[in-house]
């Protein structure tokens, strides 16, 4: 769910190469030497392009690869059927919506032994928040939302969301420019669920964000990473995968999961209900769940892998046992996964967010 742009050069390369691949696929579809195709819809910069080349080489299946920027831009394109995608990689709450609307095909684990055996049981357990019987989604990447702070720019350890309301950090705080993530911070601070639809609780969260706004340097997304690396802010709300990268660039940065609780998110592979190449889709997902391939993708995008077999292959022990990449979630309270709130719920959050931004 959470991407960065540090691979923009490689992203251009993959788009060019796969656009050519898509063109050739159309020309080669009648070629008996080609074992068909699979059409994949994924986040930008969210896969190692070498793994796609390897899949094509090993299976003879051509990959047509398309990218989206948000769950919200992905959904209507898939729903419309304008492109007959086989596979998508939505986030937790959007998978819930797609299940509700009958858009997904049930997973046949017998055809995907790597998905069955290599993904940790705890990640399937976490997925039950949006896929109650683990019928539709194979976890691909996961992470947390937390606080990144520069230990040279604060005079105390930052461990709580409440500290983002401390006036001594005025103009040194970065918040996510995202309605659900911004409200999550305020809701957790108030002791409420980040999936609440209670108007009283939502109004309290809105008022809290409005109170905080004069202290906020900026509401940003990717810029949190760059500003924190450059020492332009002291504290920022960030996704764990990006925190791993920032610490490599600036060792003064510290990432924490706040005491009040936070969001644990999961992005998962799903097969669309009317996938024209379902068998090849199963082969693609199973290939991506192979330990060595999952490790390549983890190394490339830095977001935590739920593939326990891949984690065993990590040679750098500082990453293998990283509390950022692989935290022991049992040590934390009030962790939740986003669920789809319905159109009325989305509208309510968006209206309240407009009020926050208008102040």
Protein backbone atom coordinates (compact mmCIF):
# COMPACT_ATOMS: atom_id res chain seq x y z
CA UNK A 1 0.00 0.00 0.00
CA UNK A 2 2.89 2.27 0.71
CA UNK A 3 5.31 3.09 -2.07
CA UNK A 4 8.25 5.41 -2.61
CA UNK A 5 9.81 6.93 -5.70
CA UNK A 6 13.46 6.13 -5.14
CA UNK A 7 13.28 3.55 -7.90
CA UNK A 8 11.95 5.95 -10.51
CA UNK A 9 14.71 5.09 -12.99
CA UNK A 10 14.02 1.38 -12.70
CA UNK A 11 10.30 2.05 -12.83
CA UNK A 12 10.74 3.75 -16.18
CA UNK A 13 12.81 0.82 -17.34
CA UNK A 14 10.20 -1.73 -16.32
CA UNK A 15 7.40 0.24 -17.93
CA UNK A 16 9.30 0.47 -21.19
CA UNK A 17 10.35 -3.16 -21.23
CA UNK A 18 6.93 -4.45 -20.23
CA UNK A 19 5.13 -2.18 -22.67
CA UNK A 20 7.24 -3.75 -25.37
CA UNK A 21 6.49 -7.16 -23.87
CA UNK A 22 2.79 -6.39 -23.95
CA UNK A 23 3.03 -5.39 -27.60
CA UNK A 24 4.92 -8.52 -28.50
CA UNK A 25 2.47 -10.61 -26.50
CA UNK A 26 -0.34 -9.47 -28.73
CA UNK A 27 1.73 -10.42 -31.77
CA UNK A 28 2.85 -13.72 -30.29
CA UNK A 29 -0.44 -14.93 -28.88
CA UNK A 30 -0.86 -17.29 -31.80
CA UNK A 31 2.71 -18.55 -31.53
CA UNK A 32 2.68 -22.16 -30.34
CA UNK A 33 5.93 -21.53 -28.46
CA UNK A 34 4.21 -19.13 -26.07
CA UNK A 35 2.24 -20.54 -23.14
CA UNK A 36 -0.24 -17.71 -23.11
CA UNK A 37 -0.13 -14.60 -20.99
CA UNK A 38 -1.05 -13.15 -17.61
CA UNK A 39 -2.22 -9.58 -17.05
CA UNK A 40 -1.03 -8.09 -13.75
CA UNK A 41 -2.15 -4.83 -12.11
CA UNK A 42 0.15 -3.70 -9.28
CA UNK A 43 1.32 -0.60 -7.43
CA UNK A 44 4.08 1.45 -9.04
CA UNK A 45 7.64 0.43 -8.13
CA UNK A 46 6.35 -2.58 -6.21
CA UNK A 47 8.17 -5.48 -7.83
CA UNK A 48 11.69 -6.29 -8.95
CA UNK A 49 11.50 -6.26 -12.78
CA UNK A 50 14.07 -9.05 -12.87
CA UNK A 51 11.54 -11.40 -11.22
CA UNK A 52 9.12 -10.81 -14.08
CA UNK A 53 11.82 -11.57 -16.63
CA UNK A 54 12.67 -14.76 -14.74
CA UNK A 55 9.01 -15.82 -14.64
CA UNK A 56 8.64 -15.34 -18.37
CA UNK A 57 11.86 -17.23 -19.06
CA UNK A 58 11.00 -20.16 -16.78
CA UNK A 59 7.36 -20.58 -17.75
CA UNK A 60 7.08 -19.25 -21.29
CA UNK A 61 4.16 -17.11 -20.09
CA UNK A 62 4.18 -13.48 -21.22
CA UNK A 63 3.47 -10.87 -18.55
CA UNK A 64 1.43 -7.80 -19.39
CA UNK A 65 2.10 -5.47 -16.48
CA UNK A 66 0.17 -2.34 -15.54
CA UNK A 67 0.59 0.00 -12.57
CA UNK A 68 -1.72 2.06 -10.36
CA UNK A 69 -1.06 4.80 -7.81
CA UNK A 70 -3.89 4.30 -5.32
CA UNK A 71 -6.49 1.71 -4.38
CA UNK A 72 -9.13 4.22 -5.36
CA UNK A 73 -7.77 4.58 -8.90
CA UNK A 74 -7.37 0.82 -9.24
CA UNK A 75 -10.89 -0.14 -8.23
CA UNK A 76 -13.01 1.51 -10.96
CA UNK A 77 -10.68 0.31 -13.70
CA UNK A 78 -10.97 -3.28 -12.51
CA UNK A 79 -14.72 -2.95 -11.89
CA UNK A 80 -15.37 -1.58 -15.37
CA UNK A 81 -13.68 -4.52 -17.04
CA UNK A 82 -12.09 -2.13 -19.54
CA UNK A 83 -8.95 -4.24 -19.18
CA UNK A 84 -9.39 -7.94 -18.42
CA UNK A 85 -6.87 -8.16 -15.59
CA UNK A 86 -6.03 -11.55 -14.14
CA UNK A 87 -4.27 -10.37 -10.98
CA UNK A 88 -4.31 -7.26 -8.83
CA UNK A 89 -2.55 -6.31 -5.60
CA UNK A 90 -4.98 -4.20 -3.53
CA UNK A 91 -4.74 -3.27 0.12
CA UNK A 92 -6.71 -4.80 2.98
CA UNK A 93 -9.78 -2.54 3.03
CA UNK A 94 -10.09 -2.52 -0.76
CA UNK A 95 -9.94 -6.32 -0.83
CA UNK A 96 -12.84 -6.29 1.63
CA UNK A 97 -14.80 -4.09 -0.78
CA UNK A 98 -13.97 -6.32 -3.75
CA UNK A 99 -15.07 -9.42 -1.84
CA UNK A 100 -18.36 -7.74 -0.90
CA UNK A 101 -18.98 -6.89 -4.55
CA UNK A 102 -18.20 -10.38 -5.86
CA UNK A 103 -15.17 -9.28 -7.87
CA UNK A 104 -12.68 -11.95 -6.75
CA UNK A 105 -12.08 -15.60 -7.47
CA UNK A 106 -11.52 -18.04 -4.63
CA UNK A 107 -7.92 -19.17 -4.13
CA UNK A 108 -7.03 -22.78 -4.92
CA UNK A 109 -4.09 -23.36 -2.60
CA UNK A 110 -3.44 -26.79 -4.11
CA UNK A 111 -2.30 -25.01 -7.26
CA UNK A 112 -0.08 -22.63 -5.29
CA UNK A 113 2.06 -24.66 -2.85
CA UNK A 114 4.50 -21.80 -2.28
CA UNK A 115 1.63 -19.56 -1.22
CA UNK A 116 0.36 -22.30 1.05
CA UNK A 117 3.69 -23.21 2.66
CA UNK A 118 5.87 -20.07 2.61
CA UNK A 119 3.53 -17.36 3.90
CA UNK A 120 3.59 -17.16 7.70
CA UNK A 121 0.45 -18.25 9.54
CA UNK A 122 0.37 -14.97 11.46
CA UNK A 123 -0.08 -13.03 8.21
CA UNK A 124 -3.02 -15.16 7.14
CA UNK A 125 -4.42 -14.60 10.63
CA UNK A 126 -4.00 -10.83 10.25
CA UNK A 127 -5.67 -11.05 6.83
CA UNK A 128 -8.83 -12.45 8.35
CA UNK A 129 -9.73 -8.90 9.33
CA UNK A 130 -10.63 -8.28 5.67
CA UNK A 131 -10.72 -11.82 4.22
CA UNK A 132 -12.42 -13.77 7.04
CA UNK A 133 -11.80 -17.28 5.70
CA UNK A 134 -8.58 -16.60 3.74
CA UNK A 135 -10.44 -17.47 0.55
CA UNK A 136 -9.36 -14.64 -1.70
CA UNK A 137 -6.01 -13.02 -0.82
CA UNK A 138 -2.36 -14.08 -0.68
CA UNK A 139 -0.27 -11.64 1.43
CA UNK A 140 2.49 -9.95 -0.59
CA UNK A 141 3.81 -7.09 1.56
CA UNK A 142 2.93 -5.68 4.95
CA UNK A 143 3.95 -3.03 7.39
CA UNK A 144 3.00 -0.55 10.06
CA UNK A 145 2.43 3.20 10.28
CA UNK A 146 4.55 4.88 12.92
CA UNK A 147 6.63 7.86 13.92
CA UNK A 148 10.05 8.65 12.51
CA UNK A 149 12.05 11.16 14.50
CA UNK A 150 15.50 12.71 14.34
CA UNK A 151 17.18 12.10 17.69
CA UNK A 152 19.41 15.18 17.19
CA UNK A 153 16.37 17.46 16.81
CA UNK A 154 14.30 16.36 19.81
CA UNK A 155 15.11 16.41 23.52
CA UNK A 156 13.33 13.16 24.42
CA UNK A 157 12.44 9.79 22.94
CA UNK A 158 9.27 10.02 20.85
CA UNK A 159 7.03 7.09 21.73
CA UNK A 160 3.45 8.41 21.59
CA UNK A 161 1.12 10.00 19.06
CA UNK A 162 0.36 12.58 21.75
CA UNK A 163 3.81 14.10 21.27
CA UNK A 164 2.77 15.25 17.81
CA UNK A 165 0.61 17.78 19.61
CA UNK A 166 3.50 19.22 21.70
CA UNK A 167 3.92 22.91 20.88
CA UNK A 168 7.69 22.74 21.28
CA UNK A 169 7.78 20.84 17.97
CA UNK A 170 5.78 23.48 16.10
CA UNK A 171 6.66 23.60 12.40
CA UNK A 172 8.78 20.46 12.81
CA UNK A 173 5.99 17.90 12.40
CA UNK A 174 5.07 16.11 9.16
CA UNK A 175 1.66 14.46 8.85
CA UNK A 176 0.45 12.12 6.12
CA UNK A 177 -1.72 13.79 3.49
CA UNK A 178 -4.17 10.90 3.69
CA UNK A 179 -7.62 11.02 5.25
CA UNK A 180 -7.55 7.54 6.79
CA UNK A 181 -3.97 7.78 8.05
CA UNK A 182 -4.42 11.27 9.49
CA UNK A 183 -7.66 10.30 11.22
CA UNK A 184 -6.07 7.05 12.44
CA UNK A 185 -3.51 9.05 14.42
CA UNK A 186 -6.19 11.16 16.11
CA UNK A 187 -8.52 8.19 16.67
CA UNK A 188 -5.80 6.13 18.32
CA UNK A 189 -4.84 9.09 20.49
CA UNK A 190 -8.47 9.30 21.61
CA UNK A 191 -8.59 5.57 22.29
CA UNK A 192 -11.04 4.89 19.43
CA UNK A 193 -10.99 2.45 16.54
CA UNK A 194 -9.51 3.66 13.26
CA UNK A 195 -12.53 2.06 11.57
CA UNK A 196 -15.09 3.94 13.65
CA UNK A 197 -18.21 5.37 12.05
CA UNK A 198 -19.42 6.92 15.29
CA UNK A 199 -20.03 10.58 14.53
CA UNK A 200 -19.12 11.70 18.04
CA UNK A 201 -15.76 9.91 17.84
CA UNK A 202 -15.11 11.19 14.33
CA UNK A 203 -15.92 14.76 15.32
CA UNK A 204 -13.52 14.48 18.26
CA UNK A 205 -10.79 13.23 15.91
CA UNK A 206 -11.49 16.07 13.48
CA UNK A 207 -11.27 18.65 16.27
CA UNK A 208 -8.00 17.14 17.45
CA UNK A 209 -6.51 17.39 13.95
CA UNK A 210 -7.67 20.98 13.64
CA UNK A 211 -6.02 21.75 16.98
CA UNK A 212 -2.79 20.18 15.76
CA UNK A 213 -2.76 21.88 12.37
CA UNK A 214 -0.88 25.10 13.42
CA UNK A 215 1.99 22.88 14.60
CA UNK A 216 2.24 20.93 11.34
CA UNK A 217 4.94 21.92 8.88
CA UNK A 218 3.25 20.07 6.02
CA UNK A 219 0.83 17.33 5.03
CA UNK A 220 2.85 15.17 2.67
CA UNK A 221 3.29 11.64 1.36
CA UNK A 222 6.60 10.73 -0.29
CA UNK A 223 8.19 13.97 0.93
CA UNK A 224 8.19 12.68 4.52
CA UNK A 225 11.08 10.43 3.58
CA UNK A 226 13.11 13.14 1.85
CA UNK A 227 12.48 15.83 4.44
CA UNK A 228 13.41 13.55 7.33
CA UNK A 229 16.59 12.39 5.61
CA UNK A 230 17.57 16.01 4.99
CA UNK A 231 16.88 17.12 8.57
CA UNK A 232 14.12 19.48 7.44
CA UNK A 233 11.74 18.23 10.14
CA UNK A 234 12.10 16.60 13.53
CA UNK A 235 9.12 14.24 13.52
CA UNK A 236 7.09 12.59 10.77
CA UNK A 237 4.34 10.01 10.35
CA UNK A 238 5.72 7.39 7.99
CA UNK A 239 5.29 3.83 6.73
CA UNK A 240 7.70 1.25 8.07
CA UNK A 241 9.09 0.26 4.68
CA UNK A 242 10.17 3.81 4.02
CA UNK A 243 11.65 4.08 7.51
CA UNK A 244 14.07 1.26 6.68
CA UNK A 245 15.35 3.23 3.70
CA UNK A 246 15.59 6.54 5.58
CA UNK A 247 17.73 5.03 8.34
CA UNK A 248 20.22 3.83 5.74
CA UNK A 249 20.49 7.40 4.50
CA UNK A 250 20.47 9.12 7.90
CA UNK A 251 21.48 7.08 10.99
CA UNK A 252 20.08 9.76 13.31
CA UNK A 253 16.53 8.70 12.43
CA UNK A 254 14.54 6.43 14.76
CA UNK A 255 11.26 4.63 13.94
CA UNK A 256 8.72 3.67 16.59
CA UNK A 257 5.27 2.11 16.75
CA UNK A 258 3.37 4.49 19.08
CA UNK A 259 2.11 3.28 22.43
CA UNK A 260 -1.48 4.18 21.61
CA UNK A 261 -1.57 1.68 18.72
CA UNK A 262 -1.54 1.97 14.95
CA UNK A 263 -2.42 0.49 11.58
CA UNK A 264 -0.97 -2.81 10.41
CA UNK A 265 -1.58 -2.97 6.67
CA UNK A 266 -1.32 -5.81 4.19
CA UNK A 267 -1.21 -5.72 0.40
CA UNK A 268 -2.18 -9.02 -1.19
CA UNK A 269 -2.35 -10.78 -4.54
CA UNK A 270 -5.90 -11.50 -5.69
CA UNK A 271 -7.26 -13.20 -8.79
CA UNK A 272 -10.12 -11.39 -10.47
CA UNK A 273 -13.46 -13.19 -10.80
CA UNK A 274 -13.44 -13.17 -14.59
CA UNK A 275 -9.70 -13.62 -15.06
CA UNK A 276 -9.18 -14.84 -18.64
CA UNK A 277 -5.90 -16.54 -17.70
CA UNK A 278 -6.63 -17.99 -14.27
CA UNK A 279 -4.21 -20.92 -14.53
CA UNK A 280 -1.37 -18.57 -15.48
CA UNK A 281 -2.41 -16.22 -12.68
CA UNK A 282 -1.98 -19.04 -10.19
CA UNK A 283 1.44 -19.81 -11.62
CA UNK A 284 2.47 -16.14 -11.36
CA UNK A 285 1.39 -15.76 -7.74
CA UNK A 286 2.99 -19.06 -6.75
CA UNK A 287 6.22 -17.98 -8.45
CA UNK A 288 6.20 -14.69 -6.51
CA UNK A 289 5.75 -16.71 -3.29
CA UNK A 290 8.87 -18.77 -3.99
CA UNK A 291 11.44 -17.99 -1.30
CA UNK A 292 14.22 -16.71 -3.58
CA UNK A 293 11.83 -14.58 -5.62
CA UNK A 294 10.15 -13.12 -2.54
CA UNK A 295 13.60 -12.23 -1.22
CA UNK A 296 14.45 -10.41 -4.45
CA UNK A 297 11.26 -8.36 -4.19
CA UNK A 298 11.91 -7.59 -0.51
CA UNK A 299 15.43 -6.40 -1.31
CA UNK A 300 14.10 -4.24 -4.12
CA UNK A 301 11.15 -2.49 -2.48
CA UNK A 302 12.17 -2.71 1.25
CA UNK A 303 8.64 -3.39 2.45
CA UNK A 304 8.30 -6.29 4.86
CA UNK A 305 7.67 -9.70 3.37
CA UNK A 306 5.21 -12.14 4.94
CA UNK A 307 7.21 -14.92 3.29
CA UNK A 308 8.94 -16.66 6.21
CA UNK A 309 10.99 -18.86 3.86
CA UNK A 310 12.37 -15.73 2.19
CA UNK A 311 13.20 -14.16 5.54
CA UNK A 312 15.33 -17.20 6.40
CA UNK A 313 17.44 -16.42 3.32
CA UNK A 314 18.25 -12.84 4.41
CA UNK A 315 21.99 -12.70 5.08
CA UNK A 316 22.15 -9.25 6.71
CA UNK A 317 21.19 -9.96 10.33
CA UNK A 318 20.46 -6.29 11.00
CA UNK A 319 17.63 -6.60 8.46
CA UNK A 320 16.66 -10.19 9.22
CA UNK A 321 16.01 -9.30 12.86
CA UNK A 322 15.01 -5.68 12.29
CA UNK A 323 12.32 -4.44 14.68
CA UNK A 324 11.13 -2.15 11.89
CA UNK A 325 10.89 -4.73 9.12
CA UNK A 326 9.77 -7.62 11.31
CA UNK A 327 8.39 -6.34 14.63
CA UNK A 328 6.91 -8.73 17.15
CA UNK A 329 3.35 -7.48 16.94
CA UNK A 330 2.38 -9.34 20.10
CA UNK A 331 4.30 -6.68 22.04
CA UNK A 332 1.91 -3.92 20.95
CA UNK A 333 -1.65 -3.05 21.86
CA UNK A 334 -4.46 -1.60 19.77
CA UNK A 335 -3.18 -2.70 16.36
CA UNK A 336 -5.81 -2.74 13.63
CA UNK A 337 -6.17 -3.32 9.92
CA UNK A 338 -8.29 -0.96 7.84
CA UNK A 339 -11.64 -2.25 6.65
CA UNK A 340 -13.86 -0.84 3.94
CA UNK A 341 -16.37 1.56 5.49
CA UNK A 342 -18.81 1.70 2.58
CA UNK A 343 -19.55 4.65 0.31
CA UNK A 344 -21.35 6.56 3.05
CA UNK A 345 -18.47 5.97 5.45
CA UNK A 346 -15.92 7.15 2.90
CA UNK A 347 -17.97 10.25 2.20
CA UNK A 348 -18.22 11.05 5.90
CA UNK A 349 -14.46 10.80 6.41
CA UNK A 350 -13.79 12.90 3.31
CA UNK A 351 -16.16 15.64 4.42
CA UNK A 352 -14.52 15.83 7.84
CA UNK A 353 -11.06 15.83 6.24
CA UNK A 354 -12.10 18.80 4.09
CA UNK A 355 -12.97 20.66 7.28
CA UNK A 356 -9.51 19.93 8.70
CA UNK A 357 -7.78 21.10 5.53
CA UNK A 358 -9.92 24.23 5.32
CA UNK A 359 -8.68 25.58 8.68
